mmCIF file of all heavy atoms, coordinates in Angstrom:
data_MODEL
# 
_entry.id   MODEL 
# 
loop_
_atom_site.group_PDB 
_atom_site.id 
_atom_site.type_symbol 
_atom_site.label_atom_id 
_atom_site.label_alt_id 
_atom_site.label_comp_id 
_atom_site.label_asym_id 
_atom_site.label_entity_id 
_atom_site.label_seq_id 
_atom_site.pdbx_PDB_ins_code 
_atom_site.Cartn_x 
_atom_site.Cartn_y 
_atom_site.Cartn_z 
_atom_site.occupancy 
_atom_site.B_iso_or_equiv 
_atom_site.pdbx_formal_charge 
_atom_site.auth_seq_id 
_atom_site.auth_comp_id 
_atom_site.auth_asym_id 
_atom_site.auth_atom_id 
_atom_site.pdbx_PDB_model_num 
ATOM 1   N N   . ALA A 1 1  ? 0.832  -1.199  0.000   1.00 0.00 ? 1  ALA A N   1 
ATOM 2   C CA  . ALA A 1 1  ? 0.000  0.000   0.000   1.00 0.00 ? 1  ALA A CA  1 
ATOM 3   C C   . ALA A 1 1  ? 0.871  1.255   0.000   1.00 0.00 ? 1  ALA A C   1 
ATOM 4   O O   . ALA A 1 1  ? 1.801  1.377   0.798   1.00 0.00 ? 1  ALA A O   1 
ATOM 5   C CB  . ALA A 1 1  ? -0.926 -0.002  1.215   1.00 0.00 ? 1  ALA A CB  1 
ATOM 6   N N   . GLY A 1 2  ? 0.574  2.161   -0.912  1.00 0.00 ? 2  GLY A N   1 
ATOM 7   C CA  . GLY A 1 2  ? 1.303  3.428   -0.987  1.00 0.00 ? 2  GLY A CA  1 
ATOM 8   C C   . GLY A 1 2  ? 2.633  3.353   -1.689  1.00 0.00 ? 2  GLY A C   1 
ATOM 9   O O   . GLY A 1 2  ? 3.351  4.353   -1.756  1.00 0.00 ? 2  GLY A O   1 
ATOM 10  N N   . GLU A 1 3  ? 2.999  2.180   -2.237  1.00 0.00 ? 3  GLU A N   1 
ATOM 11  C CA  . GLU A 1 3  ? 4.313  2.035   -2.855  1.00 0.00 ? 3  GLU A CA  1 
ATOM 12  C C   . GLU A 1 3  ? 4.244  1.905   -4.376  1.00 0.00 ? 3  GLU A C   1 
ATOM 13  O O   . GLU A 1 3  ? 5.218  1.525   -5.010  1.00 0.00 ? 3  GLU A O   1 
ATOM 14  C CB  . GLU A 1 3  ? 5.035  0.810   -2.266  1.00 0.00 ? 3  GLU A CB  1 
ATOM 15  C CG  . GLU A 1 3  ? 5.381  0.965   -0.797  1.00 0.00 ? 3  GLU A CG  1 
ATOM 16  C CD  . GLU A 1 3  ? 6.164  -0.210  -0.253  1.00 0.00 ? 3  GLU A CD  1 
ATOM 17  O OE1 . GLU A 1 3  ? 6.486  -1.121  -1.050  1.00 0.00 ? 3  GLU A OE1 1 
ATOM 18  O OE2 . GLU A 1 3  ? 6.460  -0.230  0.957   1.00 0.00 ? 3  GLU A OE2 1 
ATOM 19  N N   . GLY A 1 4  ? 3.091  2.200   -4.971  1.00 0.00 ? 4  GLY A N   1 
ATOM 20  C CA  . GLY A 1 4  ? 2.994  2.160   -6.424  1.00 0.00 ? 4  GLY A CA  1 
ATOM 21  C C   . GLY A 1 4  ? 3.862  3.233   -7.059  1.00 0.00 ? 4  GLY A C   1 
ATOM 22  O O   . GLY A 1 4  ? 4.277  4.204   -6.414  1.00 0.00 ? 4  GLY A O   1 
ATOM 23  N N   . LEU A 1 5  ? 4.148  3.066   -8.337  1.00 0.00 ? 5  LEU A N   1 
ATOM 24  C CA  . LEU A 1 5  ? 5.033  3.989   -9.041  1.00 0.00 ? 5  LEU A CA  1 
ATOM 25  C C   . LEU A 1 5  ? 4.235  5.102   -9.690  1.00 0.00 ? 5  LEU A C   1 
ATOM 26  O O   . LEU A 1 5  ? 3.324  4.855   -10.491 1.00 0.00 ? 5  LEU A O   1 
ATOM 27  C CB  . LEU A 1 5  ? 5.820  3.224   -10.115 1.00 0.00 ? 5  LEU A CB  1 
ATOM 28  C CG  . LEU A 1 5  ? 6.739  4.057   -11.010 1.00 0.00 ? 5  LEU A CG  1 
ATOM 29  C CD1 . LEU A 1 5  ? 7.882  4.654   -10.191 1.00 0.00 ? 5  LEU A CD1 1 
ATOM 30  C CD2 . LEU A 1 5  ? 7.289  3.195   -12.150 1.00 0.00 ? 5  LEU A CD2 1 
ATOM 31  N N   . ASP A 1 6  ? 4.557  6.358   -9.342  1.00 0.00 ? 6  ASP A N   1 
ATOM 32  C CA  . ASP A 1 6  ? 3.915  7.490   -10.005 1.00 0.00 ? 6  ASP A CA  1 
ATOM 33  C C   . ASP A 1 6  ? 4.436  7.584   -11.431 1.00 0.00 ? 6  ASP A C   1 
ATOM 34  O O   . ASP A 1 6  ? 5.648  7.572   -11.661 1.00 0.00 ? 6  ASP A O   1 
ATOM 35  C CB  . ASP A 1 6  ? 4.217  8.800   -9.268  1.00 0.00 ? 6  ASP A CB  1 
ATOM 36  C CG  . ASP A 1 6  ? 3.492  8.892   -7.930  1.00 0.00 ? 6  ASP A CG  1 
ATOM 37  O OD1 . ASP A 1 6  ? 2.424  8.264   -7.809  1.00 0.00 ? 6  ASP A OD1 1 
ATOM 38  O OD2 . ASP A 1 6  ? 3.993  9.578   -7.022  1.00 0.00 ? 6  ASP A OD2 1 
ATOM 39  N N   . VAL A 1 7  ? 3.520  7.675   -12.394 1.00 0.00 ? 7  VAL A N   1 
ATOM 40  C CA  . VAL A 1 7  ? 3.921  7.733   -13.794 1.00 0.00 ? 7  VAL A CA  1 
ATOM 41  C C   . VAL A 1 7  ? 3.266  8.913   -14.489 1.00 0.00 ? 7  VAL A C   1 
ATOM 42  O O   . VAL A 1 7  ? 2.270  9.471   -14.018 1.00 0.00 ? 7  VAL A O   1 
ATOM 43  C CB  . VAL A 1 7  ? 3.543  6.421   -14.535 1.00 0.00 ? 7  VAL A CB  1 
ATOM 44  C CG1 . VAL A 1 7  ? 4.266  5.238   -13.938 1.00 0.00 ? 7  VAL A CG1 1 
ATOM 45  C CG2 . VAL A 1 7  ? 2.042  6.200   -14.507 1.00 0.00 ? 7  VAL A CG2 1 
ATOM 46  N N   . GLU A 1 8  ? 3.846  9.283   -15.607 1.00 0.00 ? 8  GLU A N   1 
ATOM 47  C CA  . GLU A 1 8  ? 3.317  10.373  -16.421 1.00 0.00 ? 8  GLU A CA  1 
ATOM 48  C C   . GLU A 1 8  ? 2.470  9.798   -17.547 1.00 0.00 ? 8  GLU A C   1 
ATOM 49  O O   . GLU A 1 8  ? 2.941  8.984   -18.329 1.00 0.00 ? 8  GLU A O   1 
ATOM 50  C CB  . GLU A 1 8  ? 4.470  11.203  -17.020 1.00 0.00 ? 8  GLU A CB  1 
ATOM 51  C CG  . GLU A 1 8  ? 5.275  11.988  -16.005 1.00 0.00 ? 8  GLU A CG  1 
ATOM 52  C CD  . GLU A 1 8  ? 4.561  13.241  -15.535 1.00 0.00 ? 8  GLU A CD  1 
ATOM 53  O OE1 . GLU A 1 8  ? 3.745  13.778  -16.318 1.00 0.00 ? 8  GLU A OE1 1 
ATOM 54  O OE2 . GLU A 1 8  ? 4.815  13.679  -14.407 1.00 0.00 ? 8  GLU A OE2 1 
ATOM 55  N N   . ARG A 1 9  ? 1.223  10.195  -17.611 1.00 0.00 ? 9  ARG A N   1 
ATOM 56  C CA  . ARG A 1 9  ? 0.349  9.853   -18.726 1.00 0.00 ? 9  ARG A CA  1 
ATOM 57  C C   . ARG A 1 9  ? -0.327 11.129  -19.203 1.00 0.00 ? 9  ARG A C   1 
ATOM 58  O O   . ARG A 1 9  ? -0.171 12.189  -18.603 1.00 0.00 ? 9  ARG A O   1 
ATOM 59  C CB  . ARG A 1 9  ? -0.690 8.799   -18.314 1.00 0.00 ? 9  ARG A CB  1 
ATOM 60  C CG  . ARG A 1 9  ? -0.096 7.392   -18.175 1.00 0.00 ? 9  ARG A CG  1 
ATOM 61  C CD  . ARG A 1 9  ? -1.169 6.370   -17.859 1.00 0.00 ? 9  ARG A CD  1 
ATOM 62  N NE  . ARG A 1 9  ? -2.096 6.169   -18.957 1.00 0.00 ? 9  ARG A NE  1 
ATOM 63  C CZ  . ARG A 1 9  ? -1.934 5.250   -19.908 1.00 0.00 ? 9  ARG A CZ  1 
ATOM 64  N NH1 . ARG A 1 9  ? -0.877 4.466   -19.894 1.00 0.00 ? 9  ARG A NH1 1 
ATOM 65  N NH2 . ARG A 1 9  ? -2.825 5.117   -20.866 1.00 0.00 ? 9  ARG A NH2 1 
ATOM 66  N N   . ARG A 1 10 ? -1.104 11.009  -20.274 1.00 0.00 ? 10 ARG A N   1 
ATOM 67  C CA  . ARG A 1 10 ? -1.713 12.207  -20.857 1.00 0.00 ? 10 ARG A CA  1 
ATOM 68  C C   . ARG A 1 10 ? -2.532 12.987  -19.841 1.00 0.00 ? 10 ARG A C   1 
ATOM 69  O O   . ARG A 1 10 ? -2.555 14.206  -19.842 1.00 0.00 ? 10 ARG A O   1 
ATOM 70  C CB  . ARG A 1 10 ? -2.614 11.811  -22.033 1.00 0.00 ? 10 ARG A CB  1 
ATOM 71  C CG  . ARG A 1 10 ? -1.852 11.435  -23.285 1.00 0.00 ? 10 ARG A CG  1 
ATOM 72  C CD  . ARG A 1 10 ? -2.813 11.021  -24.375 1.00 0.00 ? 10 ARG A CD  1 
ATOM 73  N NE  . ARG A 1 10 ? -3.814 12.044  -24.630 1.00 0.00 ? 10 ARG A NE  1 
ATOM 74  C CZ  . ARG A 1 10 ? -4.978 11.812  -25.236 1.00 0.00 ? 10 ARG A CZ  1 
ATOM 75  N NH1 . ARG A 1 10 ? -5.284 10.582  -25.589 1.00 0.00 ? 10 ARG A NH1 1 
ATOM 76  N NH2 . ARG A 1 10 ? -5.822 12.789  -25.459 1.00 0.00 ? 10 ARG A NH2 1 
ATOM 77  N N   . GLY A 1 11 ? -3.236 12.281  -18.960 1.00 0.00 ? 11 GLY A N   1 
ATOM 78  C CA  . GLY A 1 11 ? -4.097 12.961  -18.005 1.00 0.00 ? 11 GLY A CA  1 
ATOM 79  C C   . GLY A 1 11 ? -3.349 13.681  -16.910 1.00 0.00 ? 11 GLY A C   1 
ATOM 80  O O   . GLY A 1 11 ? -3.933 14.481  -16.184 1.00 0.00 ? 11 GLY A O   1 
ATOM 81  N N   . THR A 1 12 ? -2.047 13.433  -16.770 1.00 0.00 ? 12 THR A N   1 
ATOM 82  C CA  . THR A 1 12 ? -1.270 14.052  -15.697 1.00 0.00 ? 12 THR A CA  1 
ATOM 83  C C   . THR A 1 12 ? -1.305 15.569  -15.786 1.00 0.00 ? 12 THR A C   1 
ATOM 84  O O   . THR A 1 12 ? -1.379 16.266  -14.779 1.00 0.00 ? 12 THR A O   1 
ATOM 85  C CB  . THR A 1 12 ? 0.195  13.563  -15.752 1.00 0.00 ? 12 THR A CB  1 
ATOM 86  O OG1 . THR A 1 12 ? 0.209  12.142  -15.722 1.00 0.00 ? 12 THR A OG1 1 
ATOM 87  C CG2 . THR A 1 12 ? 0.982  14.095  -14.567 1.00 0.00 ? 12 THR A CG2 1 
ATOM 88  N N   . ARG A 1 13 ? -1.291 16.083  -17.022 1.00 0.00 ? 13 ARG A N   1 
ATOM 89  C CA  . ARG A 1 13 ? -1.285 17.541  -17.188 1.00 0.00 ? 13 ARG A CA  1 
ATOM 90  C C   . ARG A 1 13 ? -2.625 18.163  -16.790 1.00 0.00 ? 13 ARG A C   1 
ATOM 91  O O   . ARG A 1 13 ? -2.725 19.369  -16.621 1.00 0.00 ? 13 ARG A O   1 
ATOM 92  C CB  . ARG A 1 13 ? -0.969 17.889  -18.643 1.00 0.00 ? 13 ARG A CB  1 
ATOM 93  C CG  . ARG A 1 13 ? -2.012 17.424  -19.643 1.00 0.00 ? 13 ARG A CG  1 
ATOM 94  C CD  . ARG A 1 13 ? -1.494 17.571  -21.048 1.00 0.00 ? 13 ARG A CD  1 
ATOM 95  N NE  . ARG A 1 13 ? -2.486 17.189  -22.046 1.00 0.00 ? 13 ARG A NE  1 
ATOM 96  C CZ  . ARG A 1 13 ? -2.182 16.831  -23.279 1.00 0.00 ? 13 ARG A CZ  1 
ATOM 97  N NH1 . ARG A 1 13 ? -0.932 16.798  -23.663 1.00 0.00 ? 13 ARG A NH1 1 
ATOM 98  N NH2 . ARG A 1 13 ? -3.136 16.517  -24.131 1.00 0.00 ? 13 ARG A NH2 1 
ATOM 99  N N   . ALA A 1 14 ? -3.659 17.331  -16.642 1.00 0.00 ? 14 ALA A N   1 
ATOM 100 C CA  . ALA A 1 14 ? -4.956 17.831  -16.206 1.00 0.00 ? 14 ALA A CA  1 
ATOM 101 C C   . ALA A 1 14 ? -5.157 17.614  -14.711 1.00 0.00 ? 14 ALA A C   1 
ATOM 102 O O   . ALA A 1 14 ? -6.269 17.731  -14.210 1.00 0.00 ? 14 ALA A O   1 
ATOM 103 C CB  . ALA A 1 14 ? -6.072 17.147  -16.993 1.00 0.00 ? 14 ALA A CB  1 
ATOM 104 N N   . GLY A 1 15 ? -4.085 17.281  -14.003 1.00 0.00 ? 15 GLY A N   1 
ATOM 105 C CA  . GLY A 1 15 ? -4.177 17.099  -12.564 1.00 0.00 ? 15 GLY A CA  1 
ATOM 106 C C   . GLY A 1 15 ? -4.601 15.717  -12.138 1.00 0.00 ? 15 GLY A C   1 
ATOM 107 O O   . GLY A 1 15 ? -5.026 15.516  -11.002 1.00 0.00 ? 15 GLY A O   1 
ATOM 108 N N   . HIS A 1 16 ? -4.499 14.731  -13.039 1.00 0.00 ? 16 HIS A N   1 
ATOM 109 C CA  . HIS A 1 16 ? -4.829 13.347  -12.690 1.00 0.00 ? 16 HIS A CA  1 
ATOM 110 C C   . HIS A 1 16 ? -3.551 12.640  -12.238 1.00 0.00 ? 16 HIS A C   1 
ATOM 111 O O   . HIS A 1 16 ? -2.576 12.597  -12.970 1.00 0.00 ? 16 HIS A O   1 
ATOM 112 C CB  . HIS A 1 16 ? -5.409 12.607  -13.909 1.00 0.00 ? 16 HIS A CB  1 
ATOM 113 C CG  . HIS A 1 16 ? -6.695 13.188  -14.402 1.00 0.00 ? 16 HIS A CG  1 
ATOM 114 N ND1 . HIS A 1 16 ? -7.558 12.492  -15.219 1.00 0.00 ? 16 HIS A ND1 1 
ATOM 115 C CD2 . HIS A 1 16 ? -7.268 14.403  -14.211 1.00 0.00 ? 16 HIS A CD2 1 
ATOM 116 C CE1 . HIS A 1 16 ? -8.604 13.249  -15.505 1.00 0.00 ? 16 HIS A CE1 1 
ATOM 117 N NE2 . HIS A 1 16 ? -8.440 14.405  -14.911 1.00 0.00 ? 16 HIS A NE2 1 
ATOM 118 N N   . GLN A 1 17 ? -3.573 12.101  -11.033 1.00 0.00 ? 17 GLN A N   1 
ATOM 119 C CA  . GLN A 1 17 ? -2.405 11.397  -10.514 1.00 0.00 ? 17 GLN A CA  1 
ATOM 120 C C   . GLN A 1 17 ? -2.513 9.907   -10.831 1.00 0.00 ? 17 GLN A C   1 
ATOM 121 O O   . GLN A 1 17 ? -3.455 9.238   -10.455 1.00 0.00 ? 17 GLN A O   1 
ATOM 122 C CB  . GLN A 1 17 ? -2.301 11.586  -9.001  1.00 0.00 ? 17 GLN A CB  1 
ATOM 123 C CG  . GLN A 1 17 ? -1.113 10.846  -8.391  1.00 0.00 ? 17 GLN A CG  1 
ATOM 124 C CD  . GLN A 1 17 ? -1.092 10.947  -6.879  1.00 0.00 ? 17 GLN A CD  1 
ATOM 125 O OE1 . GLN A 1 17 ? -1.797 11.764  -6.299  1.00 0.00 ? 17 GLN A OE1 1 
ATOM 126 N NE2 . GLN A 1 17 ? -0.286 10.119  -6.239  1.00 0.00 ? 17 GLN A NE2 1 
ATOM 127 N N   . TYR A 1 18 ? -1.505 9.380   -11.548 1.00 0.00 ? 18 TYR A N   1 
ATOM 128 C CA  . TYR A 1 18 ? -1.489 7.973   -11.942 1.00 0.00 ? 18 TYR A CA  1 
ATOM 129 C C   . TYR A 1 18 ? -0.467 7.220   -11.096 1.00 0.00 ? 18 TYR A C   1 
ATOM 130 O O   . TYR A 1 18 ? 0.710  7.564   -11.086 1.00 0.00 ? 18 TYR A O   1 
ATOM 131 C CB  . TYR A 1 18 ? -1.112 7.824   -13.415 1.00 0.00 ? 18 TYR A CB  1 
ATOM 132 C CG  . TYR A 1 18 ? -2.195 8.243   -14.362 1.00 0.00 ? 18 TYR A CG  1 
ATOM 133 C CD1 . TYR A 1 18 ? -2.386 9.586   -14.680 1.00 0.00 ? 18 TYR A CD1 1 
ATOM 134 C CD2 . TYR A 1 18 ? -3.033 7.305   -14.952 1.00 0.00 ? 18 TYR A CD2 1 
ATOM 135 C CE1 . TYR A 1 18 ? -3.393 9.979   -15.547 1.00 0.00 ? 18 TYR A CE1 1 
ATOM 136 C CE2 . TYR A 1 18 ? -4.034 7.683   -15.831 1.00 0.00 ? 18 TYR A CE2 1 
ATOM 137 C CZ  . TYR A 1 18 ? -4.210 9.025   -16.115 1.00 0.00 ? 18 TYR A CZ  1 
ATOM 138 O OH  . TYR A 1 18 ? -5.195 9.412   -16.978 1.00 0.00 ? 18 TYR A OH  1 
ATOM 139 N N   . ASN A 1 19 ? -0.938 6.200   -10.408 1.00 0.00 ? 19 ASN A N   1 
ATOM 140 C CA  . ASN A 1 19 ? -0.080 5.369   -9.581  1.00 0.00 ? 19 ASN A CA  1 
ATOM 141 C C   . ASN A 1 19 ? -0.106 3.954   -10.160 1.00 0.00 ? 19 ASN A C   1 
ATOM 142 O O   . ASN A 1 19 ? -1.094 3.242   -10.020 1.00 0.00 ? 19 ASN A O   1 
ATOM 143 C CB  . ASN A 1 19 ? -0.604 5.380   -8.146  1.00 0.00 ? 19 ASN A CB  1 
ATOM 144 C CG  . ASN A 1 19 ? 0.461  5.029   -7.130  1.00 0.00 ? 19 ASN A CG  1 
ATOM 145 O OD1 . ASN A 1 19 ? 0.290  4.102   -6.371  1.00 0.00 ? 19 ASN A OD1 1 
ATOM 146 N ND2 . ASN A 1 19 ? 1.554  5.768   -7.099  1.00 0.00 ? 19 ASN A ND2 1 
ATOM 147 N N   . LEU A 1 20 ? 0.978  3.552   -10.830 1.00 0.00 ? 20 LEU A N   1 
ATOM 148 C CA  . LEU A 1 20 ? 1.047  2.237   -11.460 1.00 0.00 ? 20 LEU A CA  1 
ATOM 149 C C   . LEU A 1 20 ? 1.220  1.171   -10.389 1.00 0.00 ? 20 LEU A C   1 
ATOM 150 O O   . LEU A 1 20 ? 2.158  1.206   -9.611  1.00 0.00 ? 20 LEU A O   1 
ATOM 151 C CB  . LEU A 1 20 ? 2.203  2.187   -12.462 1.00 0.00 ? 20 LEU A CB  1 
ATOM 152 C CG  . LEU A 1 20 ? 2.366  0.891   -13.264 1.00 0.00 ? 20 LEU A CG  1 
ATOM 153 C CD1 . LEU A 1 20 ? 1.148  0.637   -14.137 1.00 0.00 ? 20 LEU A CD1 1 
ATOM 154 C CD2 . LEU A 1 20 ? 3.621  0.969   -14.136 1.00 0.00 ? 20 LEU A CD2 1 
ATOM 155 N N   . LEU A 1 21 ? 0.307  0.180   -10.365 1.00 0.00 ? 21 LEU A N   1 
ATOM 156 C CA  . LEU A 1 21 ? 0.304  -0.842  -9.319  1.00 0.00 ? 21 LEU A CA  1 
ATOM 157 C C   . LEU A 1 21 ? 1.030  -2.116  -9.717  1.00 0.00 ? 21 LEU A C   1 
ATOM 158 O O   . LEU A 1 21 ? 1.087  -3.066  -8.937  1.00 0.00 ? 21 LEU A O   1 
ATOM 159 C CB  . LEU A 1 21 ? -1.141 -1.167  -8.929  1.00 0.00 ? 21 LEU A CB  1 
ATOM 160 C CG  . LEU A 1 21 ? -1.967 0.009   -8.403  1.00 0.00 ? 21 LEU A CG  1 
ATOM 161 C CD1 . LEU A 1 21 ? -3.371 -0.449  -8.045  1.00 0.00 ? 21 LEU A CD1 1 
ATOM 162 C CD2 . LEU A 1 21 ? -1.291 0.638   -7.190  1.00 0.00 ? 21 LEU A CD2 1 
ATOM 163 N N   . GLY A 1 22 ? 1.589  -2.168  -10.907 1.00 0.00 ? 22 GLY A N   1 
ATOM 164 C CA  . GLY A 1 22 ? 2.321  -3.348  -11.343 1.00 0.00 ? 22 GLY A CA  1 
ATOM 165 C C   . GLY A 1 22 ? 2.390  -3.398  -12.854 1.00 0.00 ? 22 GLY A C   1 
ATOM 166 O O   . GLY A 1 22 ? 1.536  -2.849  -13.545 1.00 0.00 ? 22 GLY A O   1 
ATOM 167 N N   . HIS A 1 23 ? 3.449  -4.045  -13.352 1.00 0.00 ? 23 HIS A N   1 
ATOM 168 C CA  . HIS A 1 23 ? 3.596  -4.167  -14.799 1.00 0.00 ? 23 HIS A CA  1 
ATOM 169 C C   . HIS A 1 23 ? 4.424  -5.403  -15.119 1.00 0.00 ? 23 HIS A C   1 
ATOM 170 O O   . HIS A 1 23 ? 5.479  -5.627  -14.529 1.00 0.00 ? 23 HIS A O   1 
ATOM 171 C CB  . HIS A 1 23 ? 4.289  -2.928  -15.371 1.00 0.00 ? 23 HIS A CB  1 
ATOM 172 C CG  . HIS A 1 23 ? 4.492  -2.999  -16.858 1.00 0.00 ? 23 HIS A CG  1 
ATOM 173 N ND1 . HIS A 1 23 ? 3.484  -2.725  -17.755 1.00 0.00 ? 23 HIS A ND1 1 
ATOM 174 C CD2 . HIS A 1 23 ? 5.577  -3.337  -17.592 1.00 0.00 ? 23 HIS A CD2 1 
ATOM 175 C CE1 . HIS A 1 23 ? 3.954  -2.883  -18.990 1.00 0.00 ? 23 HIS A CE1 1 
ATOM 176 N NE2 . HIS A 1 23 ? 5.220  -3.253  -18.912 1.00 0.00 ? 23 HIS A NE2 1 
ATOM 177 N N   . ILE A 1 24 ? 3.899  -6.229  -16.018 1.00 0.00 ? 24 ILE A N   1 
ATOM 178 C CA  . ILE A 1 24 ? 4.627  -7.384  -16.527 1.00 0.00 ? 24 ILE A CA  1 
ATOM 179 C C   . ILE A 1 24 ? 4.707  -7.236  -18.030 1.00 0.00 ? 24 ILE A C   1 
ATOM 180 O O   . ILE A 1 24 ? 3.681  -7.129  -18.702 1.00 0.00 ? 24 ILE A O   1 
ATOM 181 C CB  . ILE A 1 24 ? 3.923  -8.710  -16.157 1.00 0.00 ? 24 ILE A CB  1 
ATOM 182 C CG1 . ILE A 1 24 ? 3.917  -8.888  -14.627 1.00 0.00 ? 24 ILE A CG1 1 
ATOM 183 C CG2 . ILE A 1 24 ? 4.621  -9.893  -16.819 1.00 0.00 ? 24 ILE A CG2 1 
ATOM 184 C CD1 . ILE A 1 24 ? 3.171  -10.124 -14.158 1.00 0.00 ? 24 ILE A CD1 1 
# 
């Protein structure tokens, strides 16, 4: 909990915070 990776996506510039919870 709370350790996801903050990433930049298109919505980031609109104030949307993206926290990636895993990637394979």
